[in-house]
C-alpha cells in the first residue's frame, strides 16, 4: 500500500468515526466495491445497517463478497 493510500484510509477512518454512531442505518449511494461500507461496518463493529447502491453490477458482486452483513443493490 502506498503512502497516499495509507493516508487516505486513515483520513476515511477518522472522518467516518466522527460521523457514525452504533445502530445507524447508512445509505451508501455509488458504493462501488463497498470499500467505505466495509470501513463503516468495521468502525461500528457490525452494529449498523448499511445499504449500498451502485449502477455497476460487477462492483456490486465484489461488494457483496467484501461486506457480507450489508445489503447491496444494483440500480440507479
Protein backbone atom coordinates (compact mmCIF):
# COMPACT_ATOMS: atom_id res chain seq x y z
CA UNK A 1 0.00 0.00 0.00
CA UNK A 2 1.39 3.38 -0.97
CA UNK A 3 1.82 6.24 1.48
CA UNK A 4 -1.01 8.13 -0.24
CA UNK A 5 -3.39 5.15 0.08
CA UNK A 6 -2.41 4.74 3.72
CA UNK A 7 -3.10 8.41 4.44
CA UNK A 8 -6.43 8.22 2.58
CA UNK A 9 -7.51 5.19 4.62
CA UNK A 10 -6.53 6.89 7.86
CA UNK A 11 -8.44 10.05 6.89
CA UNK A 12 -11.51 7.99 5.93
CA UNK A 13 -11.44 6.14 9.25
CA UNK A 14 -11.19 9.37 11.24
CA UNK A 15 -13.94 11.09 9.25
CA UNK A 16 -16.32 8.13 9.46
CA UNK A 17 -15.50 7.69 13.15
CA UNK A 18 -16.72 11.23 13.83
CA UNK A 19 -19.96 10.82 11.89
CA UNK A 20 -21.07 7.30 12.79
CA UNK A 21 -22.98 6.00 15.79
CA UNK A 22 -23.99 2.43 16.66
CA UNK A 23 -27.36 1.22 15.34
CA UNK A 24 -27.38 3.73 12.47
CA UNK A 25 -28.77 2.92 9.06
CA UNK A 26 -26.33 4.12 6.41
CA UNK A 27 -27.17 4.63 2.73
CA UNK A 28 -24.06 4.42 0.56
CA UNK A 29 -25.04 5.78 -2.86
CA UNK A 30 -22.45 4.99 -5.51
CA UNK A 31 -20.92 2.39 -3.21
CA UNK A 32 -18.76 0.79 -5.90
CA UNK A 33 -16.98 -2.22 -4.44
CA UNK A 34 -18.16 -1.38 -0.92
CA UNK A 35 -14.89 -0.10 0.46
CA UNK A 36 -16.44 2.68 2.58
CA UNK A 37 -19.35 0.44 3.59
CA UNK A 38 -16.86 -2.14 4.83
CA UNK A 39 -14.92 0.52 6.71
CA UNK A 40 -18.07 1.95 8.34
CA UNK A 41 -19.18 -1.54 9.35
CA UNK A 42 -15.74 -2.22 10.84
CA UNK A 43 -15.71 1.03 12.80
CA UNK A 44 -19.13 0.24 14.28
CA UNK A 45 -18.28 -3.43 14.98
CA UNK A 46 -21.21 -4.66 12.86
CA UNK A 47 -23.64 -2.55 14.94
CA UNK A 48 -25.24 -0.81 11.97
CA UNK A 49 -27.36 -1.39 8.89
CA UNK A 50 -25.80 -0.46 5.57
CA UNK A 51 -27.50 -0.29 2.20
CA UNK A 52 -25.19 0.22 -0.78
CA UNK A 53 -26.43 1.19 -4.26
CA UNK A 54 -24.41 1.25 -7.47
CA UNK A 55 -25.06 1.02 -11.22
CA UNK A 56 -22.13 -1.33 -11.83
CA UNK A 57 -23.20 -4.98 -11.45
CA UNK A 58 -19.62 -6.22 -11.24
CA UNK A 59 -18.83 -3.78 -8.43
CA UNK A 60 -21.96 -4.89 -6.56
CA UNK A 61 -20.80 -8.50 -6.91
CA UNK A 62 -17.44 -7.61 -5.39
CA UNK A 63 -19.08 -5.57 -2.64
CA UNK A 64 -21.37 -8.44 -1.72
CA UNK A 65 -18.34 -10.68 -1.16
CA UNK A 66 -16.49 -7.91 0.71
CA UNK A 67 -19.27 -6.98 3.16
CA UNK A 68 -21.48 -9.92 3.93
CA UNK A 69 -23.63 -8.08 6.50
CA UNK A 70 -24.56 -5.31 4.09
CA UNK A 71 -27.35 -5.08 1.53
CA UNK A 72 -26.10 -4.08 -1.91
CA UNK A 73 -28.48 -3.18 -4.72
CA UNK A 74 -27.81 -2.78 -8.43
CA UNK A 75 -29.66 0.19 -9.85
CA UNK A 76 -29.85 3.91 -10.45
